[in-house]
């Protein structure tokens, strides 16, 4: 399996993800505004970010964030569908990899470089297969459509597998998911309101981020 410094680095990233609990998903945001968006969310207490590969200039933005915010945040690459794009993302500076589906080859590529992989899955068979093939945690998607009770029931037989709820997580339902035993969240549009970004209302992004961080802090 993983040896030496690569495993130590991988475990350190996983530890930081678990500590911060929220990954802000930056999908199709204007690259010119990405620095201001990230700064606003950092000011609100968010320290883990995911730039999706379907965003124009995704890997250039990833590299920019790595070069300019490296001591402040973890930055991952999302919507990674296969191992070649996974490798490109890692070489651009991704700390971790997130996929929408279960791709064993992508998990293996990510682990080869000592980076955590969080693959997407929905049913128990997929979740277990992802974990058995080296996933650091498993993204259950779409979380809101499945409901918090789904996570509670899944955690019965699969309580040893760390799960991240992604898809439709917002300020109104995040506490319900926490009560169901979820500790990691991928949050997209609820944190990156497109109208606020279009109007350069970064104060609103900061305020919402503070509210999310307050919700998870109160649960500890």
Protein backbone atom coordinates (compact mmCIF):
# COMPACT_ATOMS: atom_id res chain seq x y z
CA UNK A 1 0.00 0.00 0.00
CA UNK A 2 1.20 3.57 0.67
CA UNK A 3 4.63 3.93 2.22
CA UNK A 4 6.81 6.58 3.79
CA UNK A 5 6.22 10.30 3.38
CA UNK A 6 3.43 9.90 0.79
CA UNK A 7 1.21 8.11 3.31
CA UNK A 8 2.08 10.61 6.05
CA UNK A 9 1.11 13.50 3.75
CA UNK A 10 -2.10 11.74 2.72
CA UNK A 11 -3.07 11.07 6.32
CA UNK A 12 -2.36 14.72 7.21
CA UNK A 13 -4.73 15.94 4.49
CA UNK A 14 -7.44 13.54 5.66
CA UNK A 15 -6.98 14.80 9.22
CA UNK A 16 -7.39 18.42 8.11
CA UNK A 17 -10.49 17.60 6.07
CA UNK A 18 -12.04 15.87 9.09
CA UNK A 19 -11.12 18.79 11.31
CA UNK A 20 -12.72 21.42 9.06
CA UNK A 21 -15.70 19.30 7.95
CA UNK A 22 -16.89 21.54 5.08
CA UNK A 23 -15.55 21.52 1.53
CA UNK A 24 -16.68 24.53 -0.50
CA UNK A 25 -17.38 23.43 -4.08
CA UNK A 26 -16.41 26.04 -6.68
CA UNK A 27 -18.25 25.08 -9.86
CA UNK A 28 -18.21 27.22 -13.01
CA UNK A 29 -17.20 30.39 -11.20
CA UNK A 30 -15.56 33.14 -13.28
CA UNK A 31 -11.84 32.57 -12.77
CA UNK A 32 -11.31 36.34 -12.47
CA UNK A 33 -13.52 36.34 -9.37
CA UNK A 34 -12.25 33.11 -7.82
CA UNK A 35 -9.63 34.84 -5.60
CA UNK A 36 -12.24 37.20 -4.10
CA UNK A 37 -14.69 34.33 -3.59
CA UNK A 38 -12.04 32.27 -1.82
CA UNK A 39 -10.93 35.21 0.33
CA UNK A 40 -14.54 35.84 1.41
CA UNK A 41 -15.10 32.20 2.32
CA UNK A 42 -11.78 32.03 4.19
CA UNK A 43 -12.89 35.10 6.16
CA UNK A 44 -16.03 33.13 7.02
CA UNK A 45 -14.00 30.20 8.34
CA UNK A 46 -13.93 27.88 5.31
CA UNK A 47 -10.54 26.26 4.77
CA UNK A 48 -11.19 23.43 2.30
CA UNK A 49 -12.08 24.04 -1.34
CA UNK A 50 -12.83 21.97 -4.42
CA UNK A 51 -12.59 23.36 -7.96
CA UNK A 52 -14.56 21.22 -10.38
CA UNK A 53 -12.89 20.11 -13.59
CA UNK A 54 -15.85 21.32 -15.67
CA UNK A 55 -15.03 24.91 -14.68
CA UNK A 56 -13.31 26.91 -17.41
CA UNK A 57 -9.63 27.29 -16.53
CA UNK A 58 -10.06 24.94 -13.56
CA UNK A 59 -6.48 23.77 -13.30
CA UNK A 60 -5.05 27.24 -13.86
CA UNK A 61 -7.25 28.47 -10.99
CA UNK A 62 -6.19 25.51 -8.88
CA UNK A 63 -2.52 26.34 -9.45
CA UNK A 64 -3.16 30.02 -8.68
CA UNK A 65 -4.83 29.15 -5.38
CA UNK A 66 -2.05 26.72 -4.55
CA UNK A 67 0.58 29.42 -5.18
CA UNK A 68 -1.23 32.21 -3.36
CA UNK A 69 -3.15 30.54 -0.51
CA UNK A 70 -1.02 27.46 0.15
CA UNK A 71 -0.60 28.11 3.88
CA UNK A 72 -4.27 28.91 4.45
CA UNK A 73 -6.35 26.27 2.68
CA UNK A 74 -6.61 22.77 1.26
CA UNK A 75 -7.51 22.83 -2.42
CA UNK A 76 -8.89 19.81 -4.22
CA UNK A 77 -10.06 18.97 -7.73
CA UNK A 78 -13.60 17.73 -8.29
CA UNK A 79 -15.69 16.16 -11.05
CA UNK A 80 -12.69 14.00 -11.94
CA UNK A 81 -13.95 11.18 -14.14
CA UNK A 82 -10.84 9.19 -15.00
CA UNK A 83 -7.17 8.72 -14.00
CA UNK A 84 -5.56 10.94 -16.66
CA UNK A 85 -7.44 14.03 -15.48
CA UNK A 86 -6.70 12.97 -11.92
CA UNK A 87 -2.97 13.04 -12.62
CA UNK A 88 -3.22 16.44 -14.35
CA UNK A 89 -5.06 17.84 -11.33
CA UNK A 90 -2.47 16.50 -8.90
CA UNK A 91 0.39 17.93 -10.95
CA UNK A 92 -1.44 21.27 -10.90
CA UNK A 93 -1.34 21.13 -7.10
CA UNK A 94 -4.51 19.40 -5.94
CA UNK A 95 -4.36 18.24 -2.31
CA UNK A 96 -7.21 15.78 -2.82
CA UNK A 97 -9.41 14.36 -5.56
CA UNK A 98 -13.21 14.18 -5.66
CA UNK A 99 -15.16 12.17 -8.22
CA UNK A 100 -18.90 12.05 -8.98
CA UNK A 101 -18.84 8.30 -9.61
CA UNK A 102 -16.90 5.21 -8.58
CA UNK A 103 -13.76 4.84 -10.69
CA UNK A 104 -11.31 2.38 -9.16
CA UNK A 105 -8.58 3.43 -11.59
CA UNK A 106 -8.92 7.05 -10.46
CA UNK A 107 -8.70 6.04 -6.80
CA UNK A 108 -5.52 4.12 -7.56
CA UNK A 109 -3.98 7.03 -9.47
CA UNK A 110 -4.74 9.42 -6.62
CA UNK A 111 -3.27 7.06 -4.04
CA UNK A 112 -0.21 6.50 -6.22
CA UNK A 113 0.61 10.18 -5.71
CA UNK A 114 -0.21 10.07 -2.01
CA UNK A 115 -3.40 12.11 -2.37
CA UNK A 116 -6.73 11.25 -0.74
CA UNK A 117 -9.53 10.33 -3.13
CA UNK A 118 -13.19 10.90 -2.27
CA UNK A 119 -15.21 9.03 -4.89
CA UNK A 120 -18.94 9.45 -5.37
CA UNK A 121 -21.30 6.58 -4.63
CA UNK A 122 -24.94 6.09 -3.74
CA UNK A 123 -25.79 2.55 -2.70
CA UNK A 124 -24.13 0.29 -0.09
CA UNK A 125 -22.39 -1.89 -2.70
CA UNK A 126 -20.75 1.13 -4.34
CA UNK A 127 -19.78 2.66 -0.99
CA UNK A 128 -18.12 -0.55 0.20
CA UNK A 129 -16.36 -1.11 -3.15
CA UNK A 130 -14.97 2.43 -3.07
CA UNK A 131 -13.61 2.01 0.44
CA UNK A 132 -12.16 -1.45 -0.22
CA UNK A 133 -10.33 -0.04 -3.24
CA UNK A 134 -8.59 2.70 -1.29
CA UNK A 135 -11.01 5.62 -0.93
CA UNK A 136 -10.19 7.84 2.04
CA UNK A 137 -13.87 8.63 2.48
CA UNK A 138 -16.89 8.24 0.23
CA UNK A 139 -19.03 11.05 -1.14
CA UNK A 140 -22.69 10.05 -1.02
CA UNK A 141 -24.50 11.97 -3.76
CA UNK A 142 -27.12 13.38 -4.17
CA UNK A 143 -27.48 13.75 -0.41
CA UNK A 144 -30.59 15.92 -0.19
CA UNK A 145 -32.50 13.70 -2.61
CA UNK A 146 -31.62 10.63 -0.55
CA UNK A 147 -32.38 12.35 2.76
CA UNK A 148 -30.72 12.32 6.16
CA UNK A 149 -32.47 9.09 7.16
CA UNK A 150 -30.65 7.31 4.33
CA UNK A 151 -27.31 8.16 5.94
CA UNK A 152 -28.54 6.98 9.33
CA UNK A 153 -29.53 3.63 7.86
CA UNK A 154 -26.35 3.26 5.77
CA UNK A 155 -24.20 3.90 8.82
CA UNK A 156 -25.74 0.88 10.52
CA UNK A 157 -23.83 -1.80 8.59
CA UNK A 158 -21.13 0.56 7.23
CA UNK A 159 -20.27 2.66 10.28
CA UNK A 160 -16.54 2.10 9.69
CA UNK A 161 -16.62 3.99 6.38
CA UNK A 162 -16.30 7.82 6.54
CA UNK A 163 -19.04 9.46 4.49
CA UNK A 164 -19.33 12.96 3.02
CA UNK A 165 -22.79 14.29 2.18
CA UNK A 166 -22.86 16.30 -1.05
CA UNK A 167 -25.69 17.66 -3.15
CA UNK A 168 -28.35 20.00 -1.84
CA UNK A 169 -26.75 20.65 1.55
CA UNK A 170 -27.86 24.01 2.93
CA UNK A 171 -28.32 25.93 6.17
CA UNK A 172 -31.80 24.50 6.64
CA UNK A 173 -30.87 20.81 6.47
CA UNK A 174 -27.22 20.49 7.56
CA UNK A 175 -28.15 19.97 11.21
CA UNK A 176 -30.52 17.15 10.27
CA UNK A 177 -27.68 15.38 8.46
CA UNK A 178 -25.41 15.88 11.45
CA UNK A 179 -27.99 14.27 13.71
CA UNK A 180 -27.93 11.31 11.31
CA UNK A 181 -24.19 10.95 11.97
CA UNK A 182 -22.70 12.83 9.01
CA UNK A 183 -19.55 14.80 9.80
CA UNK A 184 -18.24 15.82 6.35
CA UNK A 185 -20.08 18.00 3.87
CA UNK A 186 -19.53 19.16 0.32
CA UNK A 187 -21.40 22.44 -0.13
CA UNK A 188 -21.78 24.17 -3.48
CA UNK A 189 -24.37 26.78 -4.46
CA UNK A 190 -25.43 27.46 -0.87
CA UNK A 191 -21.94 28.86 -0.22
CA UNK A 192 -21.25 30.33 -3.65
CA UNK A 193 -24.43 32.23 -4.47
CA UNK A 194 -24.13 33.15 -8.15
CA UNK A 195 -26.08 36.40 -7.84
CA UNK A 196 -23.90 37.56 -4.94
CA UNK A 197 -20.77 36.78 -6.96
CA UNK A 198 -22.16 38.50 -10.04
CA UNK A 199 -22.81 41.62 -7.91
CA UNK A 200 -19.44 41.36 -6.14
CA UNK A 201 -21.30 40.97 -2.85
CA UNK A 202 -18.51 39.12 -1.08
CA UNK A 203 -19.78 40.23 2.31
CA UNK A 204 -22.82 38.00 1.76
CA UNK A 205 -20.55 35.03 0.98
CA UNK A 206 -18.61 35.66 4.18
CA UNK A 207 -21.80 35.91 6.23
CA UNK A 208 -23.21 32.64 4.87
CA UNK A 209 -19.87 30.90 5.44
CA UNK A 210 -19.89 32.05 9.06
CA UNK A 211 -23.39 30.63 9.45
CA UNK A 212 -22.33 27.25 8.06
CA UNK A 213 -19.27 27.11 10.30
CA UNK A 214 -21.44 28.05 13.26
CA UNK A 215 -23.85 25.21 12.49
CA UNK A 216 -21.12 22.56 12.49
CA UNK A 217 -19.33 24.06 15.49
CA UNK A 218 -22.51 23.87 17.55
CA UNK A 219 -22.80 20.15 16.81
CA UNK A 220 -19.46 19.21 18.37
